[in-house]
Protein backbone atom coordinates (compact mmCIF):
# COMPACT_ATOMS: atom_id res chain seq x y z
CA MET A 1 156.32 120.89 85.91
CA ALA A 2 154.28 119.83 82.89
CA ILE A 3 156.35 116.64 82.65
CA TYR A 4 155.71 115.93 86.37
CA ARG A 5 151.96 116.30 85.91
CA SER A 6 151.88 114.08 82.84
CA ARG A 7 153.80 111.36 84.67
CA TRP A 8 151.26 111.20 87.52
CA LEU A 9 148.08 111.89 85.58
CA PRO A 10 147.59 108.29 84.33
CA LEU A 11 148.08 106.95 87.87
CA LEU A 12 145.58 109.46 89.26
CA LEU A 13 143.03 108.48 86.63
CA LEU A 14 143.60 104.81 87.43
CA LEU A 15 143.01 105.44 91.15
CA LEU A 16 139.80 107.34 90.41
CA ALA A 17 138.65 104.52 88.15
CA CYS A 18 139.34 101.98 90.91
CA GLN A 19 137.32 104.07 93.39
CA ALA A 20 134.45 104.26 90.94
CA ALA A 21 134.61 100.51 90.42
CA ARG A 22 134.47 99.88 94.18
CA ALA A 23 131.48 102.17 94.49
CA ALA A 24 129.79 100.37 91.61
CA ASP A 25 130.17 97.10 93.52
CA GLU A 26 128.13 98.50 96.43
CA LEU A 27 124.37 98.65 96.70
CA THR A 28 122.52 101.33 98.61
CA LEU A 29 119.58 100.41 100.81
CA ALA A 30 117.61 103.60 101.45
CA ILE A 31 115.26 103.73 104.45
CA GLU A 32 112.30 106.09 104.54
CA PRO A 33 113.22 108.84 107.05
CA PHE A 34 110.50 108.21 109.63
CA LEU A 35 113.12 108.57 112.41
CA SER A 36 116.48 110.37 112.56
CA ALA A 37 119.23 109.30 110.18
CA ARG A 38 121.47 108.03 112.98
CA ALA A 39 118.69 105.90 114.46
CA LEU A 40 117.68 104.41 111.11
CA VAL A 41 121.14 103.65 109.78
CA GLY A 42 122.18 102.03 113.06
CA ALA A 43 118.98 100.00 113.30
CA PHE A 44 119.19 98.66 109.75
CA GLN A 45 122.94 97.95 109.69
CA PRO A 46 122.48 94.28 110.79
CA PHE A 47 120.01 93.75 107.94
CA CYS A 48 122.48 95.22 105.46
CA ASN A 49 125.27 93.08 106.90
CA HIS A 50 123.13 89.99 106.38
CA LEU A 51 122.38 90.92 102.76
CA SER A 52 126.06 91.65 102.15
CA ASN A 53 127.18 88.30 103.56
CA ARG A 54 124.58 86.30 101.66
CA THR A 55 125.10 87.99 98.28
CA GLU A 56 128.83 88.83 98.52
CA THR A 57 127.88 92.36 97.50
CA LYS A 58 128.26 95.18 100.00
CA VAL A 59 124.91 96.75 100.94
CA VAL A 60 125.12 100.19 102.58
CA PRO A 61 122.22 101.68 104.61
CA ILE A 62 121.39 105.31 103.83
CA THR A 63 118.48 107.69 104.27
CA ALA A 64 117.72 111.36 103.60
CA PRO A 65 117.26 114.46 105.79
CA ASN A 66 113.51 114.43 105.21
CA TYR A 67 110.80 112.67 103.24
CA ASP A 68 110.69 115.28 100.48
CA GLN A 69 114.36 114.77 99.63
CA TYR A 70 114.00 111.01 99.96
CA ALA A 71 111.08 110.96 97.51
CA GLN A 72 112.89 113.13 94.99
CA ARG A 73 116.03 110.99 95.14
CA LEU A 74 113.92 107.85 94.80
CA LEU A 75 112.14 109.21 91.73
CA ASN A 76 115.55 110.25 90.35
CA GLN A 77 116.49 106.54 90.57
CA GLU A 78 119.40 107.17 92.94
CA PHE A 79 118.75 104.19 95.26
CA ASP A 80 119.33 100.52 94.51
CA ILE A 81 117.01 99.17 97.21
CA ALA A 82 114.44 101.21 99.12
CA ILE A 83 112.13 100.73 102.09
CA ILE A 84 109.23 103.12 101.65
CA GLY A 85 105.52 103.71 102.19
CA PRO A 86 103.20 101.88 99.79
CA HIS A 87 101.86 104.88 97.84
CA THR A 88 105.37 106.18 97.13
CA ALA A 89 106.46 102.65 96.23
CA LEU A 90 103.77 102.44 93.56
CA LEU A 91 104.67 105.85 92.17
CA ALA A 92 108.34 104.81 92.00
CA ALA A 93 107.31 101.67 90.13
CA GLN A 94 105.30 103.76 87.67
CA ARG A 95 107.85 106.53 87.11
CA ALA A 96 111.31 105.35 88.09
CA ASN A 97 111.78 101.71 87.04
CA TYR A 98 111.58 100.22 90.53
CA LEU A 99 110.17 96.75 91.19
CA PRO A 100 108.18 96.04 94.38
CA LEU A 101 109.84 93.04 96.04
CA LEU A 102 107.97 92.67 99.30
CA LYS A 103 105.41 94.39 101.48
CA GLY A 104 105.25 94.06 105.23
CA GLU A 105 102.89 91.68 106.96
CA GLY A 106 99.59 93.10 108.12
CA PHE A 107 98.58 96.68 107.56
CA LEU A 108 99.68 100.25 108.12
CA LYS A 109 97.42 102.68 109.95
CA ALA A 110 97.67 106.17 111.37
CA LEU A 111 97.13 106.81 115.07
CA LEU A 112 95.81 110.05 116.53
CA ILE A 113 97.59 110.52 119.84
CA VAL A 114 97.26 113.03 122.67
CA ASP A 115 98.95 113.63 126.01
CA LYS A 116 97.72 110.93 128.37
CA ASN A 117 96.56 113.59 130.84
CA SER A 118 94.58 115.64 128.32
CA ALA A 119 90.79 115.78 128.16
CA TYR A 120 90.55 115.00 124.43
CA GLN A 121 88.57 111.85 123.65
CA LYS A 122 87.81 112.04 119.91
CA PRO A 123 88.84 114.04 116.82
CA ALA A 124 85.86 116.42 117.14
CA ASP A 125 87.19 117.54 120.54
CA LEU A 126 90.22 119.02 118.75
CA LYS A 127 88.28 121.70 116.85
CA ALA A 128 90.41 124.84 116.28
CA GLN A 129 93.49 123.09 117.72
CA THR A 130 96.91 122.45 116.15
CA ILE A 131 97.64 118.91 114.99
CA ALA A 132 101.24 117.74 114.46
CA LEU A 133 101.81 115.35 111.55
CA PRO A 134 104.83 113.79 109.85
CA ASP A 135 105.92 115.01 106.41
CA HIS A 136 103.08 116.00 104.09
CA LEU A 137 104.11 113.37 101.50
CA THR A 138 103.77 110.42 103.85
CA MET A 139 100.88 107.99 103.78
CA THR A 140 100.46 108.65 107.51
CA SER A 141 99.87 112.37 107.02
CA MET A 142 97.29 111.64 104.32
CA LEU A 143 95.47 109.19 106.58
CA GLY A 144 95.81 111.67 109.44
CA THR A 145 93.96 114.43 107.62
CA GLU A 146 91.06 112.01 107.15
CA PHE A 147 90.41 112.06 110.92
CA PHE A 148 89.18 115.61 110.39
CA ARG A 149 87.43 115.07 107.05
CA PRO A 150 84.83 112.42 107.95
CA ALA A 151 82.75 111.09 105.07
CA ASP A 152 79.53 111.23 107.09
CA ALA A 153 79.92 114.58 108.84
CA ALA A 154 81.12 118.16 108.36
CA PRO A 155 84.89 118.76 108.33
CA ILE A 156 86.50 119.57 111.68
CA ASP A 157 88.42 122.85 111.53
CA VAL A 158 92.00 122.26 112.76
CA HIS A 159 95.47 123.59 111.95
CA PHE A 160 98.04 121.14 110.57
CA ARG A 161 101.75 121.40 111.37
CA TYR A 162 104.04 119.06 109.45
CA ASN A 163 107.30 117.63 110.82
CA ASP A 164 110.21 115.80 109.25
CA PHE A 165 109.76 112.70 111.45
CA HIS A 166 107.02 110.84 113.29
CA ASN A 167 108.76 111.15 116.66
CA THR A 168 109.19 114.92 116.28
CA ALA A 169 105.45 115.18 115.65
CA ALA A 170 104.85 113.25 118.87
CA LEU A 171 107.35 115.39 120.79
CA MET A 172 105.73 118.57 119.47
CA MET A 173 102.48 117.40 121.04
CA LEU A 174 104.13 116.40 124.33
CA ARG A 175 105.85 119.80 124.55
CA GLY A 176 102.45 121.47 124.33
CA GLU A 177 103.05 122.95 120.88
CA ALA A 178 100.17 120.91 119.44
CA ALA A 179 97.05 119.44 120.97
CA ALA A 180 97.47 116.09 119.20
CA ALA A 181 99.79 114.29 116.81
CA VAL A 182 99.43 111.72 114.05
CA VAL A 183 101.96 108.88 113.80
CA ALA A 184 102.07 105.51 112.06
CA ASP A 185 101.46 102.50 114.27
CA SER A 186 104.70 100.94 112.99
CA ALA A 187 106.63 104.13 113.82
CA LEU A 188 105.24 104.34 117.36
CA LEU A 189 106.75 101.04 118.48
CA PRO A 190 110.42 102.05 117.95
CA MET A 191 109.93 105.43 119.68
CA SER A 192 111.42 106.12 123.09
CA MET A 193 109.68 104.96 126.25
CA GLU A 194 109.38 108.64 127.23
CA ILE A 195 107.04 109.15 124.29
CA ARG A 196 105.13 105.86 124.49
CA GLU A 197 104.44 106.11 128.23
CA ASN A 198 103.01 109.62 127.97
CA ILE A 199 100.55 109.34 125.10
CA ARG A 200 97.01 108.07 124.64
CA ILE A 201 95.49 106.90 121.34
CA ILE A 202 92.08 108.44 120.63
CA ALA A 203 91.52 107.35 117.02
CA GLU A 204 92.86 104.88 114.46
CA SER A 205 92.63 105.27 110.69
CA LYS A 206 91.53 102.67 108.20
CA GLN A 207 94.16 100.09 107.31
CA VAL A 208 96.27 100.29 104.16
CA PRO A 209 99.06 98.03 102.86
CA GLN A 210 102.27 98.00 104.85
CA MET A 211 105.65 99.45 103.88
CA VAL A 212 107.28 98.07 100.73
CA ILE A 213 110.80 97.01 99.79
CA LEU A 214 111.69 98.11 96.26
CA ILE A 215 114.63 97.18 94.07
CA HIS A 216 115.69 99.01 90.94
CA SER A 217 115.38 97.12 87.68
CA ARG A 218 119.02 97.87 86.84
CA ILE A 219 120.08 95.30 89.45
CA PRO A 220 120.83 92.05 87.59
CA VAL A 221 118.15 89.36 87.84
CA LYS A 222 120.50 86.84 89.49
CA LEU A 223 121.49 89.32 92.20
CA ARG A 224 117.85 90.33 92.69
CA SER A 225 116.99 86.68 93.36
CA LYS A 226 119.83 86.34 95.91
CA LEU A 227 118.73 89.52 97.68
CA LEU A 228 115.13 88.34 97.87
CA ASP A 229 116.16 84.98 99.33
CA ALA A 230 118.40 86.73 101.85
CA MET A 231 115.56 89.05 102.89
CA HIS A 232 113.21 86.13 103.49
CA ASP A 233 115.87 84.35 105.53
CA TYR A 234 116.58 87.43 107.64
CA ILE A 235 112.90 87.87 108.45
CA LYS A 236 112.59 84.17 109.43
CA ILE A 237 115.77 83.61 111.41
CA THR A 238 116.43 86.90 113.21
CA ALA A 239 114.91 87.30 116.67
CA PRO A 240 112.19 90.00 116.56
CA GLN A 241 113.73 92.04 119.38
CA LYS A 242 116.95 92.32 117.36
CA ASN A 243 115.21 92.72 114.02
CA PHE A 244 114.22 96.31 113.29
CA LEU A 245 112.71 95.15 110.02
CA ALA A 246 110.18 93.14 112.03
CA ARG A 247 109.49 96.11 114.29
CA VAL A 248 108.27 98.14 111.31
CA GLY A 249 106.02 95.40 109.99
CA PHE A 250 108.19 92.86 108.18
CA SER A 251 107.61 89.92 110.52
CA ALA A 252 106.58 88.22 107.29
CA ALA A 253 106.60 89.56 103.76
CA LYS A 254 104.41 89.19 100.71
CA PRO A 255 104.15 90.83 97.29
CA LEU A 256 101.71 93.67 96.61
CA THR A 257 98.39 92.48 95.20
CA ASP A 258 96.03 93.98 92.65
CA GLN A 259 93.65 94.77 95.50
CA ASP A 260 96.46 96.68 97.25
CA ASN A 261 97.09 98.68 94.10
CA ARG A 262 93.42 99.61 93.77
CA GLN A 263 93.20 100.71 97.40
CA LEU A 264 96.36 102.80 97.09
CA ALA A 265 95.46 104.46 93.78
CA PRO A 266 93.80 107.57 95.32
CA TYR A 267 96.83 108.11 97.59
CA VAL A 268 99.21 107.82 94.64
CA GLU A 269 97.21 110.55 92.89
CA GLU A 270 97.29 112.70 96.04
CA LEU A 271 101.06 112.15 96.27
CA LYS A 272 101.46 113.38 92.70
CA ARG A 273 99.45 116.48 93.55
CA ARG A 274 101.56 117.19 96.65
CA LEU A 275 104.82 116.65 94.78
CA GLY A 276 103.72 119.17 92.15
CA PRO A 277 104.84 119.35 88.52
């Protein structure tokens, strides 16, 4: 039996090495989990196919069960490419050797939504009510709390309930489990018609930079350049209705600016506090 094992052991090791080599040839593109994993991976598969074809390197879409796990994996440098909120993108650049490639066109803002048939007209009307928000680490949840912490007035006493996804926060409100919900404007557009037709927006937050595409510095410079060119081409040539990247803000793409970094700095510090030691 020992002879039998020794005969097959080198072949087994060779097969494992080949599998590892194939995996090393793939790149992961991780999408912030603002919707369910199935919805995100399916929506971003055409984008990954385009990158794969243009770079001759397989790009695989992945996500995580929730934002907390996504952020930890990002800071552990587990992803090759990542699509993420701007404050987390900057923290990943500071701590985890990621390089910001592109930010979405325009701005990101939080929306305070209520059932279209409710009587609520402004944040102050929600005193003592429950507010549904996405994950506590998201930029949207941070902007959402500011609806109830106005700079020029006393805080409004409400109860926050965090959810894994933006659409589950909206559904929590529509089911009557919360009086209102906070979602990102870019996350509202891809939601189901059932949600969009039954909500009313009563407040909008200030604008902050859009979502960011990161790439890890371990990716060779030549491949980075090919990926960047392929991303620009995809944004330009793919019809918006078929382009989920455009639906979350990447109808055009630019680099982050120094002004963006200054505006985001307080939210990066708040993210560090929420992540803990």
